[in-house]
Amino acid sequence: MFSLQTIFGKGDLFYGLLEAAAEAAVQSADALQRLVRDKGAEATLTDFKLAREREKDVSEKISQALVDIFITPLEREDIEALGNAIYRIPKTIEKFADRYALAGEKLHRIDFGPRADMLKEAAELVLEMVRLLPKMRLEETKRLHDRLRNVEAEADRLMLETYREVYSGMHESLEILLIKDFFELLEKAIDRCREAGVVCYQIVLKHS
């Protein structure tokens, strides 16, 4: 028969792994924020690779723990869904960073700063929501969820402005392609954060 200490200990393991995954997502978003702020000056992809490696390691540990541990603090499907949702955040960010490094000076006239700031905020909100999971506080989780939804809505609004600018004829064909490609990647990364936040919110709703 399992003791309460054993059960809570396993809960701490899963919550700790999910938090570590969310921290890696914030780490990746922070690296992107610095990359676009410095216009790629002496850019290194090391920070992005480290964040992805950390995320991959955590994801593998979650998968293994789900196999090894009989009693889990949340439903296995929910743990897996949240882990996968968080995993996709740094994966998308790293794709942006890889392409940014290849494009080089062709991107210097494009300001990615505001979107990078929004992405960092979205990732930090996901981390806050994950840290709240053990307490299952519905009101606080909903507040964070609503803030995350607002960030996504603002990102969608800015994306429409980007399309309007692209279609205006102000830019050359290559620049149009770059603007569309890179801004869509940033929006996708913010969407990944939103998806992770939705999973968190649904988990808390289920246990409230």
N, C-alpha and C. Protein backbone atom coordinates (compact mmCIF):
# COMPACT_ATOMS: atom_id res chain seq x y z
N MET A 1 0.84 -1.20 0.00
CA MET A 1 0.00 0.00 0.00
C MET A 1 0.88 1.25 0.00
N PHE A 2 0.55 2.22 -0.82
CA PHE A 2 1.36 3.43 -0.92
C PHE A 2 1.06 4.38 0.23
N SER A 3 2.09 4.98 0.79
CA SER A 3 1.91 5.99 1.82
C SER A 3 1.62 7.32 1.15
N LEU A 4 1.06 8.28 1.93
CA LEU A 4 0.81 9.61 1.41
C LEU A 4 2.11 10.28 1.00
N GLN A 5 3.17 10.03 1.76
CA GLN A 5 4.46 10.62 1.45
C GLN A 5 4.96 10.17 0.08
N THR A 6 4.75 8.89 -0.22
CA THR A 6 5.16 8.36 -1.52
C THR A 6 4.37 9.02 -2.65
N ILE A 7 3.05 9.14 -2.44
CA ILE A 7 2.19 9.73 -3.46
C ILE A 7 2.58 11.18 -3.72
N PHE A 8 2.74 11.95 -2.63
CA PHE A 8 3.10 13.35 -2.79
C PHE A 8 4.48 13.51 -3.38
N GLY A 9 5.38 12.57 -3.05
CA GLY A 9 6.73 12.62 -3.61
C GLY A 9 6.71 12.46 -5.12
N LYS A 10 5.88 11.55 -5.62
CA LYS A 10 5.76 11.37 -7.06
C LYS A 10 5.13 12.60 -7.70
N GLY A 11 4.18 13.23 -6.97
CA GLY A 11 3.57 14.45 -7.48
C GLY A 11 4.60 15.55 -7.65
N ASP A 12 5.47 15.70 -6.66
CA ASP A 12 6.53 16.71 -6.73
C ASP A 12 7.44 16.46 -7.93
N LEU A 13 7.69 15.20 -8.24
CA LEU A 13 8.54 14.86 -9.39
C LEU A 13 7.94 15.37 -10.68
N PHE A 14 6.67 15.08 -10.92
CA PHE A 14 6.03 15.50 -12.17
C PHE A 14 5.88 17.01 -12.24
N TYR A 15 5.45 17.62 -11.14
CA TYR A 15 5.32 19.08 -11.14
C TYR A 15 6.68 19.74 -11.38
N GLY A 16 7.72 19.17 -10.78
CA GLY A 16 9.06 19.72 -10.96
C GLY A 16 9.54 19.60 -12.39
N LEU A 17 9.24 18.48 -13.03
CA LEU A 17 9.65 18.29 -14.43
C LEU A 17 8.89 19.25 -15.36
N LEU A 18 7.61 19.42 -15.12
CA LEU A 18 6.83 20.35 -15.94
C LEU A 18 7.32 21.78 -15.76
N GLU A 19 7.66 22.12 -14.54
CA GLU A 19 8.19 23.47 -14.29
C GLU A 19 9.54 23.66 -14.99
N ALA A 20 10.38 22.63 -14.95
CA ALA A 20 11.68 22.71 -15.63
C ALA A 20 11.48 22.89 -17.14
N ALA A 21 10.48 22.23 -17.70
CA ALA A 21 10.19 22.38 -19.12
C ALA A 21 9.76 23.81 -19.44
N ALA A 22 8.89 24.37 -18.59
CA ALA A 22 8.43 25.75 -18.80
C ALA A 22 9.57 26.74 -18.63
N GLU A 23 10.49 26.47 -17.71
CA GLU A 23 11.67 27.33 -17.54
C GLU A 23 12.55 27.32 -18.78
N ALA A 24 12.68 26.15 -19.41
CA ALA A 24 13.47 26.05 -20.64
C ALA A 24 12.82 26.87 -21.76
N ALA A 25 11.49 26.90 -21.79
CA ALA A 25 10.79 27.70 -22.79
C ALA A 25 11.06 29.19 -22.58
N VAL A 26 11.05 29.62 -21.31
CA VAL A 26 11.37 31.02 -21.00
C VAL A 26 12.81 31.33 -21.37
N GLN A 27 13.70 30.41 -21.09
CA GLN A 27 15.11 30.58 -21.43
C GLN A 27 15.28 30.79 -22.94
N SER A 28 14.55 30.03 -23.71
CA SER A 28 14.61 30.14 -25.17
C SER A 28 14.04 31.48 -25.64
N ALA A 29 12.92 31.89 -25.05
CA ALA A 29 12.30 33.17 -25.42
C ALA A 29 13.21 34.34 -25.05
N ASP A 30 13.89 34.22 -23.92
CA ASP A 30 14.83 35.26 -23.49
C ASP A 30 16.00 35.38 -24.47
N ALA A 31 16.49 34.25 -24.93
CA ALA A 31 17.60 34.25 -25.90
C ALA A 31 17.16 34.90 -27.22
N LEU A 32 15.93 34.65 -27.64
CA LEU A 32 15.43 35.26 -28.87
C LEU A 32 15.28 36.77 -28.71
N GLN A 33 14.80 37.18 -27.54
CA GLN A 33 14.65 38.60 -27.26
C GLN A 33 16.00 39.33 -27.39
N ARG A 34 17.05 38.71 -26.86
CA ARG A 34 18.38 39.31 -26.94
C ARG A 34 18.91 39.28 -28.38
N LEU A 35 18.59 38.21 -29.10
CA LEU A 35 19.06 38.07 -30.48
C LEU A 35 18.54 39.20 -31.35
N VAL A 36 17.23 39.46 -31.29
CA VAL A 36 16.66 40.50 -32.16
C VAL A 36 16.98 41.89 -31.65
N ARG A 37 17.17 42.04 -30.34
CA ARG A 37 17.53 43.36 -29.79
C ARG A 37 18.91 43.79 -30.28
N ASP A 38 19.83 42.81 -30.34
CA ASP A 38 21.20 43.10 -30.77
C ASP A 38 21.38 43.00 -32.28
N LYS A 39 20.26 42.81 -33.00
CA LYS A 39 20.29 42.69 -34.46
C LYS A 39 21.24 41.58 -34.93
N GLY A 40 21.36 40.54 -34.12
CA GLY A 40 22.19 39.40 -34.50
C GLY A 40 23.67 39.63 -34.38
N ALA A 41 24.07 40.75 -33.77
CA ALA A 41 25.51 41.04 -33.63
C ALA A 41 26.19 39.94 -32.82
N GLU A 42 27.20 39.33 -33.43
CA GLU A 42 27.92 38.23 -32.80
C GLU A 42 26.94 37.18 -32.27
N ALA A 43 25.90 36.95 -33.05
CA ALA A 43 24.85 36.01 -32.62
C ALA A 43 25.40 34.60 -32.48
N THR A 44 24.98 33.96 -31.44
CA THR A 44 25.33 32.55 -31.24
C THR A 44 24.05 31.77 -31.00
N LEU A 45 23.99 30.59 -31.55
CA LEU A 45 22.80 29.76 -31.37
C LEU A 45 22.95 28.83 -30.17
N THR A 46 24.02 28.98 -29.42
CA THR A 46 24.28 28.09 -28.30
C THR A 46 23.15 28.11 -27.27
N ASP A 47 22.67 29.32 -26.93
CA ASP A 47 21.61 29.43 -25.93
C ASP A 47 20.35 28.69 -26.36
N PHE A 48 20.05 28.78 -27.65
CA PHE A 48 18.86 28.10 -28.16
C PHE A 48 19.05 26.58 -28.14
N LYS A 49 20.24 26.14 -28.50
CA LYS A 49 20.52 24.70 -28.49
C LYS A 49 20.45 24.16 -27.06
N LEU A 50 20.99 24.92 -26.10
CA LEU A 50 20.97 24.48 -24.71
C LEU A 50 19.54 24.38 -24.19
N ALA A 51 18.72 25.38 -24.54
CA ALA A 51 17.33 25.36 -24.11
C ALA A 51 16.59 24.16 -24.70
N ARG A 52 16.85 23.87 -25.97
CA ARG A 52 16.18 22.73 -26.62
C ARG A 52 16.66 21.40 -26.04
N GLU A 53 17.96 21.33 -25.75
CA GLU A 53 18.49 20.10 -25.14
C GLU A 53 17.89 19.89 -23.76
N ARG A 54 17.77 20.97 -23.01
CA ARG A 54 17.17 20.88 -21.68
C ARG A 54 15.71 20.43 -21.81
N GLU A 55 14.99 21.04 -22.77
CA GLU A 55 13.59 20.68 -22.98
C GLU A 55 13.45 19.22 -23.40
N LYS A 56 14.32 18.77 -24.27
CA LYS A 56 14.27 17.38 -24.74
C LYS A 56 14.55 16.42 -23.60
N ASP A 57 15.54 16.76 -22.76
CA ASP A 57 15.88 15.92 -21.62
C ASP A 57 14.71 15.81 -20.66
N VAL A 58 14.06 16.94 -20.39
CA VAL A 58 12.91 16.94 -19.48
C VAL A 58 11.77 16.13 -20.08
N SER A 59 11.53 16.30 -21.37
CA SER A 59 10.45 15.58 -22.04
C SER A 59 10.67 14.06 -21.95
N GLU A 60 11.91 13.64 -22.12
CA GLU A 60 12.22 12.21 -22.02
C GLU A 60 12.02 11.70 -20.59
N LYS A 61 12.38 12.53 -19.62
CA LYS A 61 12.20 12.13 -18.22
C LYS A 61 10.71 12.01 -17.87
N ILE A 62 9.90 12.92 -18.41
CA ILE A 62 8.45 12.84 -18.17
C ILE A 62 7.89 11.55 -18.78
N SER A 63 8.30 11.26 -20.00
CA SER A 63 7.81 10.05 -20.67
C SER A 63 8.20 8.80 -19.90
N GLN A 64 9.44 8.76 -19.42
CA GLN A 64 9.91 7.60 -18.67
C GLN A 64 9.21 7.48 -17.33
N ALA A 65 8.99 8.62 -16.67
CA ALA A 65 8.31 8.60 -15.37
C ALA A 65 6.87 8.11 -15.52
N LEU A 66 6.23 8.45 -16.62
CA LEU A 66 4.86 7.99 -16.85
C LEU A 66 4.81 6.47 -17.03
N VAL A 67 5.90 5.90 -17.50
CA VAL A 67 5.98 4.44 -17.65
C VAL A 67 6.29 3.78 -16.30
N ASP A 68 7.20 4.40 -15.54
CA ASP A 68 7.71 3.78 -14.32
C ASP A 68 6.81 3.95 -13.10
N ILE A 69 6.06 5.05 -13.06
CA ILE A 69 5.31 5.40 -11.85
C ILE A 69 3.84 5.07 -12.02
N PHE A 70 3.31 4.34 -11.07
CA PHE A 70 1.93 3.87 -11.15
C PHE A 70 0.94 4.97 -10.77
N ILE A 71 1.24 5.70 -9.70
CA ILE A 71 0.34 6.74 -9.21
C ILE A 71 0.88 8.10 -9.63
N THR A 72 0.07 8.88 -10.32
CA THR A 72 0.48 10.21 -10.78
C THR A 72 -0.46 11.27 -10.20
N PRO A 73 0.01 12.50 -9.99
CA PRO A 73 -0.82 13.55 -9.38
C PRO A 73 -1.91 14.06 -10.30
N LEU A 74 -1.72 13.89 -11.60
CA LEU A 74 -2.68 14.28 -12.61
C LEU A 74 -2.90 13.09 -13.53
N GLU A 75 -3.94 13.16 -14.33
CA GLU A 75 -4.15 12.08 -15.30
C GLU A 75 -2.98 12.03 -16.27
N ARG A 76 -2.59 10.82 -16.62
CA ARG A 76 -1.42 10.64 -17.49
C ARG A 76 -1.56 11.40 -18.80
N GLU A 77 -2.76 11.40 -19.35
CA GLU A 77 -2.99 12.09 -20.61
C GLU A 77 -2.75 13.59 -20.47
N ASP A 78 -3.11 14.14 -19.31
CA ASP A 78 -2.93 15.57 -19.08
C ASP A 78 -1.45 15.92 -18.92
N ILE A 79 -0.72 15.10 -18.21
CA ILE A 79 0.72 15.33 -18.04
C ILE A 79 1.42 15.28 -19.39
N GLU A 80 1.06 14.27 -20.18
CA GLU A 80 1.67 14.11 -21.51
C GLU A 80 1.31 15.27 -22.42
N ALA A 81 0.04 15.69 -22.38
CA ALA A 81 -0.42 16.79 -23.24
C ALA A 81 0.28 18.09 -22.89
N LEU A 82 0.42 18.38 -21.60
CA LEU A 82 1.07 19.61 -21.18
C LEU A 82 2.56 19.57 -21.51
N GLY A 83 3.19 18.43 -21.25
CA GLY A 83 4.60 18.30 -21.58
C GLY A 83 4.87 18.51 -23.06
N ASN A 84 4.02 17.93 -23.89
CA ASN A 84 4.19 18.07 -25.34
C ASN A 84 3.95 19.51 -25.80
N ALA A 85 2.95 20.17 -25.19
CA ALA A 85 2.63 21.54 -25.56
C ALA A 85 3.80 22.47 -25.23
N ILE A 86 4.39 22.30 -24.06
CA ILE A 86 5.52 23.14 -23.67
C ILE A 86 6.73 22.83 -24.54
N TYR A 87 6.93 21.57 -24.88
CA TYR A 87 8.06 21.14 -25.69
C TYR A 87 8.10 21.87 -27.04
N ARG A 88 6.93 22.17 -27.59
CA ARG A 88 6.86 22.79 -28.91
C ARG A 88 7.30 24.26 -28.90
N ILE A 89 7.30 24.90 -27.73
CA ILE A 89 7.63 26.33 -27.68
C ILE A 89 9.09 26.59 -28.08
N PRO A 90 10.08 26.02 -27.37
CA PRO A 90 11.47 26.27 -27.77
C PRO A 90 11.81 25.68 -29.14
N LYS A 91 11.10 24.64 -29.53
CA LYS A 91 11.33 24.06 -30.86
C LYS A 91 11.03 25.09 -31.95
N THR A 92 9.92 25.80 -31.79
CA THR A 92 9.55 26.83 -32.77
C THR A 92 10.49 28.02 -32.70
N ILE A 93 10.87 28.40 -31.48
CA ILE A 93 11.79 29.53 -31.31
C ILE A 93 13.14 29.24 -31.94
N GLU A 94 13.63 28.02 -31.76
CA GLU A 94 14.92 27.66 -32.33
C GLU A 94 14.87 27.72 -33.86
N LYS A 95 13.74 27.36 -34.44
CA LYS A 95 13.60 27.44 -35.90
C LYS A 95 13.75 28.88 -36.36
N PHE A 96 13.14 29.82 -35.61
CA PHE A 96 13.29 31.24 -35.93
C PHE A 96 14.77 31.64 -35.85
N ALA A 97 15.44 31.24 -34.76
CA ALA A 97 16.84 31.63 -34.55
C ALA A 97 17.75 31.08 -35.64
N ASP A 98 17.52 29.85 -36.04
CA ASP A 98 18.34 29.25 -37.10
C ASP A 98 18.22 30.05 -38.41
N ARG A 99 17.00 30.41 -38.77
CA ARG A 99 16.78 31.15 -40.00
C ARG A 99 17.30 32.58 -39.88
N TYR A 100 17.16 33.15 -38.69
CA TYR A 100 17.65 34.52 -38.45
C TYR A 100 19.16 34.58 -38.67
N ALA A 101 19.85 33.58 -38.17
CA ALA A 101 21.30 33.54 -38.32
C ALA A 101 21.69 33.42 -39.80
N LEU A 102 20.91 32.70 -40.58
CA LEU A 102 21.20 32.54 -42.00
C LEU A 102 20.92 33.81 -42.80
N ALA A 103 19.85 34.52 -42.41
CA ALA A 103 19.44 35.71 -43.17
C ALA A 103 20.39 36.88 -42.95
N GLY A 104 20.97 36.96 -41.76
CA GLY A 104 21.98 37.99 -41.47
C GLY A 104 21.50 39.41 -41.68
N GLU A 105 22.27 40.21 -42.42
CA GLU A 105 22.00 41.63 -42.56
C GLU A 105 20.71 41.94 -43.32
N LYS A 106 20.16 40.97 -43.99
CA LYS A 106 18.92 41.21 -44.73
C LYS A 106 17.76 41.55 -43.81
N LEU A 107 17.91 41.27 -42.50
CA LEU A 107 16.83 41.51 -41.55
C LEU A 107 17.02 42.76 -40.71
N HIS A 108 18.10 43.48 -40.92
CA HIS A 108 18.43 44.60 -40.04
C HIS A 108 17.40 45.73 -40.06
N ARG A 109 16.66 45.86 -41.14
CA ARG A 109 15.65 46.93 -41.21
C ARG A 109 14.32 46.52 -40.59
N ILE A 110 14.21 45.26 -40.23
CA ILE A 110 12.94 44.75 -39.69
C ILE A 110 13.01 44.70 -38.17
N ASP A 111 12.00 45.29 -37.52
CA ASP A 111 11.98 45.35 -36.05
C ASP A 111 11.14 44.20 -35.50
N PHE A 112 11.83 43.21 -34.95
CA PHE A 112 11.13 42.07 -34.34
C PHE A 112 10.96 42.26 -32.83
N GLY A 113 11.49 43.36 -32.29
CA GLY A 113 11.50 43.57 -30.85
C GLY A 113 10.14 43.43 -30.16
N PRO A 114 9.10 44.16 -30.62
CA PRO A 114 7.80 44.07 -29.94
C PRO A 114 7.23 42.64 -29.90
N ARG A 115 7.39 41.89 -30.99
CA ARG A 115 6.88 40.51 -31.00
C ARG A 115 7.71 39.62 -30.08
N ALA A 116 9.02 39.85 -30.06
CA ALA A 116 9.87 39.06 -29.17
C ALA A 116 9.51 39.32 -27.71
N ASP A 117 9.18 40.58 -27.40
CA ASP A 117 8.76 40.92 -26.03
C ASP A 117 7.45 40.21 -25.68
N MET A 118 6.54 40.16 -26.63
CA MET A 118 5.26 39.49 -26.40
C MET A 118 5.46 37.99 -26.19
N LEU A 119 6.37 37.42 -26.97
CA LEU A 119 6.66 36.00 -26.82
C LEU A 119 7.25 35.71 -25.44
N LYS A 120 8.17 36.56 -24.99
CA LYS A 120 8.76 36.37 -23.67
C LYS A 120 7.68 36.45 -22.59
N GLU A 121 6.77 37.41 -22.72
CA GLU A 121 5.68 37.54 -21.76
C GLU A 121 4.80 36.30 -21.76
N ALA A 122 4.50 35.79 -22.94
CA ALA A 122 3.65 34.61 -23.06
C ALA A 122 4.31 33.39 -22.41
N ALA A 123 5.61 33.21 -22.64
CA ALA A 123 6.33 32.09 -22.05
C ALA A 123 6.37 32.21 -20.52
N GLU A 124 6.54 33.42 -20.03
CA GLU A 124 6.57 33.63 -18.58
C GLU A 124 5.20 33.36 -17.95
N LEU A 125 4.14 33.68 -18.66
CA LEU A 125 2.79 33.38 -18.17
C LEU A 125 2.56 31.87 -18.09
N VAL A 126 3.07 31.14 -19.08
CA VAL A 126 2.97 29.68 -19.04
C VAL A 126 3.70 29.14 -17.81
N LEU A 127 4.89 29.66 -17.55
CA LEU A 127 5.65 29.22 -16.38
C LEU A 127 4.89 29.50 -15.09
N GLU A 128 4.27 30.67 -14.98
CA GLU A 128 3.47 30.98 -13.79
C GLU A 128 2.32 30.00 -13.63
N MET A 129 1.67 29.67 -14.74
CA MET A 129 0.53 28.74 -14.68
C MET A 129 0.98 27.35 -14.25
N VAL A 130 2.13 26.91 -14.77
CA VAL A 130 2.65 25.59 -14.40
C VAL A 130 3.01 25.56 -12.91
N ARG A 131 3.60 26.64 -12.42
CA ARG A 131 3.96 26.70 -11.00
C ARG A 131 2.74 26.70 -10.08
N LEU A 132 1.60 27.12 -10.61
CA LEU A 132 0.36 27.12 -9.82
C LEU A 132 -0.33 25.76 -9.81
N LEU A 133 0.05 24.89 -10.71
CA LEU A 133 -0.66 23.61 -10.85
C LEU A 133 -0.82 22.82 -9.54
N PRO A 134 0.24 22.68 -8.72
CA PRO A 134 0.07 21.89 -7.50
C PRO A 134 -1.00 22.45 -6.55
N LYS A 135 -1.25 23.77 -6.64
CA LYS A 135 -2.22 24.41 -5.73
C LYS A 135 -3.63 24.37 -6.30
N MET A 136 -3.76 24.16 -7.61
CA MET A 136 -5.06 24.08 -8.26
C MET A 136 -5.95 25.28 -7.92
N ARG A 137 -5.39 26.46 -8.06
CA ARG A 137 -6.14 27.68 -7.77
C ARG A 137 -6.79 28.20 -9.05
N LEU A 138 -8.08 27.98 -9.15
CA LEU A 138 -8.80 28.27 -10.39
C LEU A 138 -8.80 29.76 -10.72
N GLU A 139 -9.07 30.60 -9.74
CA GLU A 139 -9.18 32.04 -10.00
C GLU A 139 -7.86 32.62 -10.51
N GLU A 140 -6.75 32.27 -9.86
CA GLU A 140 -5.44 32.77 -10.28
C GLU A 140 -5.06 32.22 -11.66
N THR A 141 -5.36 30.95 -11.87
CA THR A 141 -5.04 30.33 -13.16
C THR A 141 -5.85 30.98 -14.28
N LYS A 142 -7.12 31.28 -14.01
CA LYS A 142 -7.95 31.93 -15.02
C LYS A 142 -7.42 33.33 -15.34
N ARG A 143 -6.94 34.03 -14.32
CA ARG A 143 -6.39 35.37 -14.53
C ARG A 143 -5.18 35.31 -15.48
N LEU A 144 -4.31 34.35 -15.23
CA LEU A 144 -3.14 34.19 -16.10
C LEU A 144 -3.55 33.74 -17.50
N HIS A 145 -4.53 32.85 -17.54
CA HIS A 145 -5.04 32.36 -18.83
C HIS A 145 -5.60 33.50 -19.66
N ASP A 146 -6.34 34.40 -19.01
CA ASP A 146 -6.92 35.55 -19.71
C ASP A 146 -5.83 36.49 -20.21
N ARG A 147 -4.79 36.69 -19.42
CA ARG A 147 -3.66 37.53 -19.85
C ARG A 147 -2.96 36.91 -21.06
N LEU A 148 -2.82 35.61 -21.02
CA LEU A 148 -2.18 34.91 -22.14
C LEU A 148 -3.02 35.03 -23.40
N ARG A 149 -4.31 34.93 -23.23
CA ARG A 149 -5.22 35.07 -24.36
C ARG A 149 -5.14 36.48 -24.96
N ASN A 150 -4.98 37.48 -24.08
CA ASN A 150 -4.85 38.86 -24.56
C ASN A 150 -3.56 39.06 -25.35
N VAL A 151 -2.47 38.43 -24.89
CA VAL A 151 -1.20 38.51 -25.61
C VAL A 151 -1.36 37.92 -27.01
N GLU A 152 -2.03 36.76 -27.08
CA GLU A 152 -2.23 36.12 -28.37
C GLU A 152 -3.10 37.00 -29.28
N ALA A 153 -4.14 37.62 -28.70
CA ALA A 153 -5.03 38.47 -29.50
C ALA A 153 -4.26 39.68 -30.04
N GLU A 154 -3.39 40.25 -29.24
CA GLU A 154 -2.59 41.38 -29.70
C GLU A 154 -1.61 40.94 -30.79
N ALA A 155 -1.05 39.75 -30.64
CA ALA A 155 -0.14 39.23 -31.66
C ALA A 155 -0.89 39.02 -32.98
N ASP A 156 -2.12 38.54 -32.90
CA ASP A 156 -2.94 38.36 -34.11
C ASP A 156 -3.22 39.70 -34.78
N ARG A 157 -3.49 40.72 -33.95
CA ARG A 157 -3.77 42.05 -34.49
C ARG A 157 -2.54 42.60 -35.21
N LEU A 158 -1.38 42.44 -34.59
CA LEU A 158 -0.15 42.92 -35.21
C LEU A 158 0.16 42.16 -36.50
N MET A 159 -0.23 40.88 -36.52
CA MET A 159 0.01 40.08 -37.72
C MET A 159 -0.81 40.62 -38.89
N LEU A 160 -2.03 41.06 -38.62
CA LEU A 160 -2.85 41.66 -39.67
C LEU A 160 -2.22 42.95 -40.18
N GLU A 161 -1.64 43.73 -39.27
CA GLU A 161 -0.95 44.94 -39.69
C GLU A 161 0.26 44.60 -40.57
N THR A 162 0.93 43.50 -40.20
CA THR A 162 2.08 43.07 -41.00
C THR A 162 1.65 42.71 -42.42
N TYR A 163 0.55 41.98 -42.54
CA TYR A 163 0.05 41.61 -43.87
C TYR A 163 -0.35 42.87 -44.66
N ARG A 164 -0.95 43.83 -43.97
CA ARG A 164 -1.34 45.07 -44.64
C ARG A 164 -0.10 45.79 -45.20
N GLU A 165 0.97 45.80 -44.40
CA GLU A 165 2.22 46.43 -44.84
C GLU A 165 2.85 45.66 -46.01
N VAL A 166 2.80 44.33 -45.91
CA VAL A 166 3.38 43.50 -46.98
C VAL A 166 2.65 43.73 -48.30
N TYR A 167 1.33 43.87 -48.23
CA TYR A 167 0.54 44.01 -49.45
C TYR A 167 0.53 45.44 -49.98
N SER A 168 1.15 46.37 -49.26
CA SER A 168 1.10 47.78 -49.66
C SER A 168 2.04 48.10 -50.82
N GLY A 169 3.01 47.22 -51.09
CA GLY A 169 3.97 47.48 -52.16
C GLY A 169 5.18 48.27 -51.72
N MET A 170 5.33 48.46 -50.41
CA MET A 170 6.45 49.25 -49.87
C MET A 170 7.77 48.49 -49.92
N HIS A 171 7.70 47.16 -49.97
CA HIS A 171 8.90 46.35 -49.84
C HIS A 171 9.21 45.57 -51.12
N GLU A 172 10.49 45.25 -51.26
CA GLU A 172 10.92 44.41 -52.36
C GLU A 172 10.50 42.97 -52.11
N SER A 173 10.53 42.16 -53.15
CA SER A 173 9.99 40.79 -53.05
C SER A 173 10.70 39.96 -51.99
N LEU A 174 12.03 40.03 -51.91
CA LEU A 174 12.76 39.25 -50.92
C LEU A 174 12.41 39.69 -49.51
N GLU A 175 12.32 40.99 -49.32
CA GLU A 175 11.99 41.52 -48.00
C GLU A 175 10.57 41.10 -47.60
N ILE A 176 9.66 41.08 -48.54
CA ILE A 176 8.29 40.63 -48.27
C ILE A 176 8.29 39.19 -47.78
N LEU A 177 9.06 38.36 -48.46
CA LEU A 177 9.15 36.94 -48.08
C LEU A 177 9.71 36.79 -46.67
N LEU A 178 10.75 37.54 -46.37
CA LEU A 178 11.38 37.47 -45.05
C LEU A 178 10.44 37.95 -43.96
N ILE A 179 9.79 39.08 -44.18
CA ILE A 179 8.86 39.62 -43.19
C ILE A 179 7.76 38.62 -42.89
N LYS A 180 7.16 38.09 -43.94
CA LYS A 180 6.05 37.14 -43.77
C LYS A 180 6.53 35.88 -43.03
N ASP A 181 7.65 35.34 -43.44
CA ASP A 181 8.16 34.08 -42.87
C ASP A 181 8.50 34.24 -41.39
N PHE A 182 9.25 35.30 -41.07
CA PHE A 182 9.73 35.45 -39.70
C PHE A 182 8.63 35.88 -38.73
N PHE A 183 7.75 36.77 -39.17
CA PHE A 183 6.67 37.17 -38.28
C PHE A 183 5.68 36.02 -38.04
N GLU A 184 5.46 35.21 -39.03
CA GLU A 184 4.58 34.05 -38.86
C GLU A 184 5.18 33.03 -37.88
N LEU A 185 6.51 32.90 -37.90
CA LEU A 185 7.16 32.01 -36.94
C LEU A 185 7.00 32.53 -35.51
N LEU A 186 7.14 33.84 -35.33
CA LEU A 186 6.95 34.41 -34.00
C LEU A 186 5.51 34.24 -33.52
N GLU A 187 4.57 34.45 -34.43
CA GLU A 187 3.17 34.26 -34.06
C GLU A 187 2.90 32.80 -33.70
N LYS A 188 3.51 31.89 -34.43
CA LYS A 188 3.34 30.47 -34.14
C LYS A 188 3.89 30.13 -32.76
N ALA A 189 5.03 30.73 -32.39
CA ALA A 189 5.60 30.48 -31.07
C ALA A 189 4.68 30.98 -29.97
N ILE A 190 4.07 32.15 -30.19
CA ILE A 190 3.11 32.68 -29.22
C ILE A 190 1.88 31.76 -29.14
N ASP A 191 1.45 31.25 -30.29
CA ASP A 191 0.33 30.30 -30.30
C ASP A 191 0.68 29.04 -29.50
N ARG A 192 1.93 28.60 -29.58
CA ARG A 192 2.37 27.43 -28.81
C ARG A 192 2.23 27.70 -27.31
N CYS A 193 2.59 28.91 -26.91
CA CYS A 193 2.44 29.28 -25.49
C CYS A 193 0.96 29.25 -25.10
N ARG A 194 0.13 29.79 -25.96
CA ARG A 194 -1.31 29.81 -25.70
C ARG A 194 -1.85 28.38 -25.56
N GLU A 195 -1.39 27.49 -26.42
CA GLU A 195 -1.85 26.10 -26.36
C GLU A 195 -1.46 25.46 -25.03
N ALA A 196 -0.24 25.73 -24.56
CA ALA A 196 0.19 25.19 -23.27
C ALA A 196 -0.65 25.76 -22.14
N GLY A 197 -0.96 27.06 -22.24
CA GLY A 197 -1.79 27.69 -21.22
C GLY A 197 -3.19 27.11 -21.17
N VAL A 198 -3.73 26.79 -22.32
CA VAL A 198 -5.07 26.18 -22.39
C VAL A 198 -5.07 24.83 -21.69
N VAL A 199 -4.04 24.03 -21.91
CA VAL A 199 -3.94 22.72 -21.25
C VAL A 199 -3.88 22.90 -19.74
N CYS A 200 -3.07 23.85 -19.27
CA CYS A 200 -2.97 24.13 -17.83
C CYS A 200 -4.34 24.49 -17.25
N TYR A 201 -5.01 25.40 -17.94
CA TYR A 201 -6.31 25.87 -17.47
C TYR A 201 -7.33 24.74 -17.43
N GLN A 202 -7.33 23.90 -18.45
CA GLN A 202 -8.27 22.77 -18.48
C GLN A 202 -8.00 21.77 -17.36
N ILE A 203 -6.71 21.57 -17.03
CA ILE A 203 -6.37 20.68 -15.93
C ILE A 203 -6.91 21.20 -14.62
N VAL A 204 -6.73 22.49 -14.38
CA VAL A 204 -7.22 23.08 -13.13
C VAL A 204 -8.74 23.05 -13.08
N LEU A 205 -9.38 23.34 -14.20
CA LEU A 205 -10.86 23.27 -14.25
C LEU A 205 -11.34 21.87 -13.88
N LYS A 206 -10.65 20.88 -14.38
CA LYS A 206 -11.04 19.49 -14.14
C LYS A 206 -10.93 19.12 -12.66
N HIS A 207 -9.98 19.74 -11.94
CA HIS A 207 -9.75 19.37 -10.55
C HIS A 207 -10.33 20.38 -9.56
N SER A 208 -11.15 21.30 -10.06
CA SER A 208 -11.74 22.32 -9.17
C SER A 208 -13.15 21.93 -8.74
